[in-house]
C-alpha atoms as a PDB file:
ATOM      1  CA  MET A   1      23.579  81.493  63.442  1.00  0.00           C
ATOM      2  CA  ARG A   2      23.218  85.249  63.693  1.00  0.00           C
ATOM      3  CA  MET A   3      24.223  86.895  66.975  1.00  0.00           C
ATOM      4  CA  ARG A   4      20.892  88.764  67.174  1.00  0.00           C
ATOM      5  CA  GLN A   5      18.946  85.489  67.120  1.00  0.00           C
ATOM      6  CA  ILE A   6      21.128  84.037  69.872  1.00  0.00           C
ATOM      7  CA  ASP A   7      20.511  87.188  71.960  1.00  0.00           C
ATOM      8  CA  GLN A   8      16.740  86.855  71.424  1.00  0.00           C
ATOM      9  CA  TRP A   9      16.742  83.216  72.538  1.00  0.00           C
ATOM     10  CA  ASP A  10      18.909  84.063  75.551  1.00  0.00           C
ATOM     11  CA  SER A  11      16.690  86.999  76.550  1.00  0.00           C
ATOM     12  CA  THR A  12      13.581  84.814  76.223  1.00  0.00           C
ATOM     13  CA  ALA A  13      15.224  82.188  78.465  1.00  0.00           C
ATOM     14  CA  ALA A  14      16.104  84.887  81.014  1.00  0.00           C
ATOM     15  CA  LEU A  15      12.526  86.195  80.927  1.00  0.00           C
ATOM     16  CA  LEU A  16      11.067  82.740  81.586  1.00  0.00           C
ATOM     17  CA  ALA A  17      13.622  82.038  84.309  1.00  0.00           C
ATOM     18  CA  ALA A  18      12.654  85.308  86.049  1.00  0.00           C
ATOM     19  CA  THR A  19       8.893  84.718  85.773  1.00  0.00           C
ATOM     20  CA  ALA A  20       6.979  82.317  88.005  1.00  0.00           C
ATOM     21  CA  ALA A  21       5.096  79.627  86.129  1.00  0.00           C
ATOM     22  CA  PRO A  22       1.308  79.717  86.420  1.00  0.00           C
ATOM     23  CA  GLU A  23      -0.126  77.165  88.834  1.00  0.00           C
ATOM     24  CA  GLY A  24       0.119  73.665  87.362  1.00  0.00           C
ATOM     25  CA  ARG A  25       2.435  74.760  84.516  1.00  0.00           C
ATOM     26  CA  ASP A  26       5.819  74.114  86.201  1.00  0.00           C
ATOM     27  CA  ALA A  27       6.645  71.121  83.971  1.00  0.00           C
ATOM     28  CA  MET A  28       5.901  73.062  80.766  1.00  0.00           C
ATOM     29  CA  TRP A  29       7.935  76.024  82.048  1.00  0.00           C
ATOM     30  CA  ALA A  30      10.909  73.719  82.750  1.00  0.00           C
ATOM     31  CA  GLN A  31      10.540  72.012  79.360  1.00  0.00           C
ATOM     32  CA  SER A  32      10.474  75.422  77.664  1.00  0.00           C
ATOM     33  CA  LEU A  33      13.635  76.522  79.495  1.00  0.00           C
ATOM     34  CA  ALA A  34      15.370  73.315  78.366  1.00  0.00           C
ATOM     35  CA  PHE A  35      14.199  73.966  74.790  1.00  0.00           C
ATOM     36  CA  LEU A  36      15.669  77.485  74.939  1.00  0.00           C
ATOM     37  CA  GLY A  37      18.827  76.198  76.643  1.00  0.00           C
ATOM     38  CA  ALA A  38      19.549  74.043  73.599  1.00  0.00           C
ATOM     39  CA  GLY A  39      20.009  77.305  71.690  1.00  0.00           C
ATOM     40  CA  PRO A  40      18.523  78.664  68.480  1.00  0.00           C
ATOM     41  CA  ARG A  41      18.342  76.370  65.493  1.00  0.00           C
ATOM     42  CA  ASP A  42      16.867  76.619  62.038  1.00  0.00           C
ATOM     43  CA  ASP A  43      14.340  73.857  62.718  1.00  0.00           C
ATOM     44  CA  ALA A  44      12.756  75.580  65.735  1.00  0.00           C
ATOM     45  CA  HIS A  45      10.806  78.816  66.054  1.00  0.00           C
ATOM     46  CA  LEU A  46       9.927  81.279  68.803  1.00  0.00           C
ATOM     47  CA  VAL A  47       6.471  82.829  68.621  1.00  0.00           C
ATOM     48  CA  ALA A  48       4.519  85.237  70.797  1.00  0.00           C
ATOM     49  CA  SER A  49       0.778  85.165  71.419  1.00  0.00           C
ATOM     50  CA  VAL A  50      -1.267  87.886  73.054  1.00  0.00           C
ATOM     51  CA  ILE A  51      -4.751  88.019  74.527  1.00  0.00           C
ATOM     52  CA  VAL A  52      -6.101  91.570  74.791  1.00  0.00           C
ATOM     53  CA  VAL A  53      -8.395  92.304  77.759  1.00  0.00           C
ATOM     54  CA  ASN A  54     -10.449  95.489  78.081  1.00  0.00           C
ATOM     55  CA  ASP A  55     -12.025  97.302  81.054  1.00  0.00           C
ATOM     56  CA  ASP A  56     -15.243  95.309  80.662  1.00  0.00           C
ATOM     57  CA  GLY A  57     -13.371  91.998  80.955  1.00  0.00           C
ATOM     58  CA  LEU A  58     -13.909  91.204  77.271  1.00  0.00           C
ATOM     59  CA  VAL A  59     -11.136  89.520  75.300  1.00  0.00           C
ATOM     60  CA  LEU A  60     -10.124  90.187  71.716  1.00  0.00           C
ATOM     61  CA  LEU A  61      -9.800  87.077  69.591  1.00  0.00           C
ATOM     62  CA  ALA A  62      -9.015  86.604  65.920  1.00  0.00           C
ATOM     63  CA  ARG A  63     -10.269  84.043  63.433  1.00  0.00           C
ATOM     64  CA  HIS A  64      -7.166  82.984  61.542  1.00  0.00           C
ATOM     65  CA  ARG A  65      -7.420  82.472  57.800  1.00  0.00           C
ATOM     66  CA  ARG A  66      -4.870  79.650  57.811  1.00  0.00           C
ATOM     67  CA  TYR A  67      -6.511  77.596  60.573  1.00  0.00           C
ATOM     68  CA  GLY A  68     -10.147  78.674  60.256  1.00  0.00           C
ATOM     69  CA  ARG A  69     -10.416  78.907  64.061  1.00  0.00           C
ATOM     70  CA  TRP A  70     -10.593  81.629  66.684  1.00  0.00           C
ATOM     71  CA  GLY A  71      -7.633  82.208  68.959  1.00  0.00           C
ATOM     72  CA  PRO A  72      -5.085  84.692  70.254  1.00  0.00           C
ATOM     73  CA  LEU A  73      -3.176  87.116  68.087  1.00  0.00           C
ATOM     74  CA  GLY A  74       0.512  86.590  67.519  1.00  0.00           C
ATOM     75  CA  GLY A  75       3.310  85.365  65.337  1.00  0.00           C
ATOM     76  CA  HIS A  76       6.960  84.571  64.844  1.00  0.00           C
ATOM     77  CA  LEU A  77       9.859  86.431  66.445  1.00  0.00           C
ATOM     78  CA  GLU A  78      11.636  88.486  63.778  1.00  0.00           C
ATOM     79  CA  ALA A  79      15.217  89.699  63.564  1.00  0.00           C
ATOM     80  CA  GLY A  80      14.317  93.318  64.417  1.00  0.00           C
ATOM     81  CA  ASP A  81      12.283  92.479  67.525  1.00  0.00           C
ATOM     82  CA  GLU A  82      13.946  93.640  70.734  1.00  0.00           C
ATOM     83  CA  SER A  83      12.286  90.925  72.816  1.00  0.00           C
ATOM     84  CA  ILE A  84       9.583  88.289  72.687  1.00  0.00           C
ATOM     85  CA  ALA A  85       7.206  90.788  74.377  1.00  0.00           C
ATOM     86  CA  ALA A  86       8.041  93.251  71.582  1.00  0.00           C
ATOM     87  CA  THR A  87       7.061  90.514  69.129  1.00  0.00           C
ATOM     88  CA  ALA A  88       3.646  90.308  70.797  1.00  0.00           C
ATOM     89  CA  ALA A  89       3.207  94.099  70.587  1.00  0.00           C
ATOM     90  CA  ARG A  90       4.317  94.194  66.931  1.00  0.00           C
ATOM     91  CA  GLU A  91       2.003  91.351  65.961  1.00  0.00           C
ATOM     92  CA  LEU A  92      -0.886  93.056  67.746  1.00  0.00           C
ATOM     93  CA  ILE A  93      -0.368  96.221  65.713  1.00  0.00           C
ATOM     94  CA  GLU A  94       0.186  94.327  62.445  1.00  0.00           C
ATOM     95  CA  GLU A  95      -2.883  92.127  62.845  1.00  0.00           C
ATOM     96  CA  THR A  96      -5.345  94.643  64.353  1.00  0.00           C
ATOM     97  CA  SER A  97      -3.875  98.177  64.120  1.00  0.00           C
ATOM     98  CA  LEU A  98      -4.309  98.243  67.918  1.00  0.00           C
ATOM     99  CA  ALA A  99      -1.488  99.588  70.059  1.00  0.00           C
ATOM    100  CA  ALA A 100      -2.017  98.271  73.589  1.00  0.00           C
ATOM    101  CA  HIS A 101       0.188  97.836  76.643  1.00  0.00           C
ATOM    102  CA  VAL A 102       1.605  94.302  76.505  1.00  0.00           C
ATOM    103  CA  HIS A 103       2.574  93.290  80.013  1.00  0.00           C
ATOM    104  CA  PRO A 104       6.241  92.219  79.839  1.00  0.00           C
ATOM    105  CA  ALA A 105       5.845  89.077  82.001  1.00  0.00           C
ATOM    106  CA  PRO A 106       4.453  86.076  80.126  1.00  0.00           C
ATOM    107  CA  ILE A 107       1.314  84.359  81.383  1.00  0.00           C
ATOM    108  CA  ASP A 108       2.085  80.950  79.861  1.00  0.00           C
ATOM    109  CA  VAL A 109       4.275  79.032  77.434  1.00  0.00           C
ATOM    110  CA  ARG A 110       3.295  76.325  74.967  1.00  0.00           C
ATOM    111  CA  LEU A 111       5.698  73.964  73.244  1.00  0.00           C
ATOM    112  CA  SER A 112       4.319  72.203  70.192  1.00  0.00           C
ATOM    113  CA  SER A 113       5.216  71.125  66.693  1.00  0.00           C
ATOM    114  CA  TYR A 114       3.332  72.162  63.564  1.00  0.00           C
ATOM    115  CA  PRO A 115       3.898  73.331  60.002  1.00  0.00           C
ATOM    116  CA  CYS A 116       3.920  77.089  59.486  1.00  0.00           C
ATOM    117  CA  ARG A 117       4.414  79.667  56.770  1.00  0.00           C
ATOM    118  CA  THR A 118       8.162  78.994  56.737  1.00  0.00           C
ATOM    119  CA  ALA A 119       8.074  75.177  56.901  1.00  0.00           C
ATOM    120  CA  ILE A 120       5.988  72.538  55.156  1.00  0.00           C
ATOM    121  CA  ASN A 121       6.765  69.828  57.705  1.00  0.00           C
ATOM    122  CA  PRO A 122       6.026  70.262  61.415  1.00  0.00           C
ATOM    123  CA  VAL A 123       8.738  72.119  63.332  1.00  0.00           C
ATOM    124  CA  PRO A 124       9.007  72.848  67.063  1.00  0.00           C
ATOM    125  CA  HIS A 125       7.478  76.156  68.159  1.00  0.00           C
ATOM    126  CA  LEU A 126       7.810  77.728  71.584  1.00  0.00           C
ATOM    127  CA  ASP A 127       4.852  80.065  72.032  1.00  0.00           C
ATOM    128  CA  VAL A 128       5.330  82.625  74.801  1.00  0.00           C
ATOM    129  CA  CYS A 129       1.911  84.008  75.775  1.00  0.00           C
ATOM    130  CA  PHE A 130       1.211  87.529  77.027  1.00  0.00           C
ATOM    131  CA  VAL A 131      -1.736  89.662  78.119  1.00  0.00           C
ATOM    132  CA  ALA A 132      -2.322  93.170  76.776  1.00  0.00           C
ATOM    133  CA  ARG A 133      -4.552  95.833  78.269  1.00  0.00           C
ATOM    134  CA  VAL A 134      -6.814  98.444  76.716  1.00  0.00           C
ATOM    135  CA  ASP A 135      -9.159 100.828  78.509  1.00  0.00           C
ATOM    136  CA  ALA A 136     -12.212 100.247  76.353  1.00  0.00           C
ATOM    137  CA  ARG A 137     -13.278  98.477  73.202  1.00  0.00           C
ATOM    138  CA  ALA A 138     -11.201  99.786  70.345  1.00  0.00           C
ATOM    139  CA  ARG A 139     -13.542 101.232  67.755  1.00  0.00           C
ATOM    140  CA  GLN A 140     -11.178 101.139  64.789  1.00  0.00           C
ATOM    141  CA  LEU A 141      -9.954  97.541  64.712  1.00  0.00           C
ATOM    142  CA  LEU A 142      -8.599  96.658  61.299  1.00  0.00           C
ATOM    143  CA  ALA A 143      -8.049  92.942  60.732  1.00  0.00           C
ATOM    144  CA  SER A 144      -5.020  92.088  58.615  1.00  0.00           C
ATOM    145  CA  ALA A 145      -5.224  89.829  55.563  1.00  0.00           C
ATOM    146  CA  GLU A 146      -4.133  86.942  57.830  1.00  0.00           C
ATOM    147  CA  LEU A 147      -7.495  87.119  59.618  1.00  0.00           C
ATOM    148  CA  THR A 148     -11.101  86.493  58.641  1.00  0.00           C
ATOM    149  CA  GLY A 149     -12.537  87.842  61.894  1.00  0.00           C
ATOM    150  CA  LEU A 150     -11.655  90.038  64.831  1.00  0.00           C
ATOM    151  CA  GLU A 151     -14.100  90.442  67.718  1.00  0.00           C
ATOM    152  CA  TRP A 152     -14.510  91.043  71.453  1.00  0.00           C
ATOM    153  CA  PHE A 153     -15.934  88.162  73.513  1.00  0.00           C
ATOM    154  CA  ALA A 154     -17.055  87.578  77.072  1.00  0.00           C
ATOM    155  CA  ARG A 155     -15.363  84.614  78.795  1.00  0.00           C
ATOM    156  CA  GLY A 156     -18.644  82.713  78.921  1.00  0.00           C
ATOM    157  CA  ASP A 157     -19.369  83.341  75.241  1.00  0.00           C
ATOM    158  CA  LEU A 158     -16.195  82.271  73.409  1.00  0.00           C
ATOM    159  CA  PRO A 159     -16.632  81.499  69.705  1.00  0.00           C
ATOM    160  CA  ALA A 160     -16.368  78.194  67.876  1.00  0.00           C
ATOM    161  CA  PRO A 161     -14.369  76.714  66.409  1.00  0.00           C
ATOM    162  CA  ILE A 162     -11.589  77.815  68.726  1.00  0.00           C
ATOM    163  CA  VAL A 163      -7.889  76.932  68.683  1.00  0.00           C
ATOM    164  CA  PRO A 164      -7.237  74.152  71.258  1.00  0.00           C
ATOM    165  CA  LEU A 165      -6.287  75.440  74.716  1.00  0.00           C
ATOM    166  CA  SER A 166      -7.393  79.013  73.852  1.00  0.00           C
ATOM    167  CA  ALA A 167     -10.127  78.997  76.512  1.00  0.00           C
ATOM    168  CA  GLU A 168      -7.483  78.102  79.117  1.00  0.00           C
ATOM    169  CA  LEU A 169      -5.275  80.906  77.811  1.00  0.00           C
ATOM    170  CA  VAL A 170      -8.205  83.350  78.039  1.00  0.00           C
ATOM    171  CA  ASP A 171      -8.680  82.337  81.698  1.00  0.00           C
ATOM    172  CA  LEU A 172      -4.971  82.935  82.406  1.00  0.00           C
ATOM    173  CA  ALA A 173      -5.102  86.324  80.652  1.00  0.00           C
ATOM    174  CA  ILE A 174      -8.171  87.496  82.581  1.00  0.00           C
ATOM    175  CA  ALA A 175      -6.657  86.336  85.885  1.00  0.00           C
ATOM    176  CA  ALA A 176      -3.292  87.999  85.118  1.00  0.00           C
ATOM    177  CA  ASP A 177      -4.983  91.223  84.023  1.00  0.00           C
ATOM    178  CA  THR A 178      -7.033  91.313  87.232  1.00  0.00           C
ATOM    179  CA  LEU A 179      -3.899  90.830  89.377  1.00  0.00           C
ATOM    180  CA  ARG A 180      -1.951  93.516  87.494  1.00  0.00           C
ATOM    181  CA  ARG A 181      -4.565  96.288  87.771  1.00  0.00           C
END
């Protein structure tokens, strides 16, 4: 195991330990800390997701080519990423060309198992979710080849089909953004 990967897992554990779990998410937070406490392993991945909120309260969602559904932006932690929040910022730029302030405290965590680009069989993924802020609708959004759509939505007008639990994540992002203004 590379030292950098161990540092990234340890820093993600420290971040979660220092951040209060959203209401009703204490069990998932504790489960995620236990997952991280077991240390990095080749059969488990850390990923970051990000919901972008603008001044009008609209959220930026992407339709993912692989899943054919709308959901947050994000992806796997990479060796050069300084932190899991940096992963969210990097993925945001890679997938949309949008540089936005990613708040460093996560708004949620999700632990699940699914196949991904690096594994045919399902593998555990810990998804650390963040909110990013922009002042207004970005006019020059450029969707990466991973996406088939990239649009702003009002909370009451989310698209379908949507990745499971994305509406809940949108609610957490809007609430967190409102508190952090």
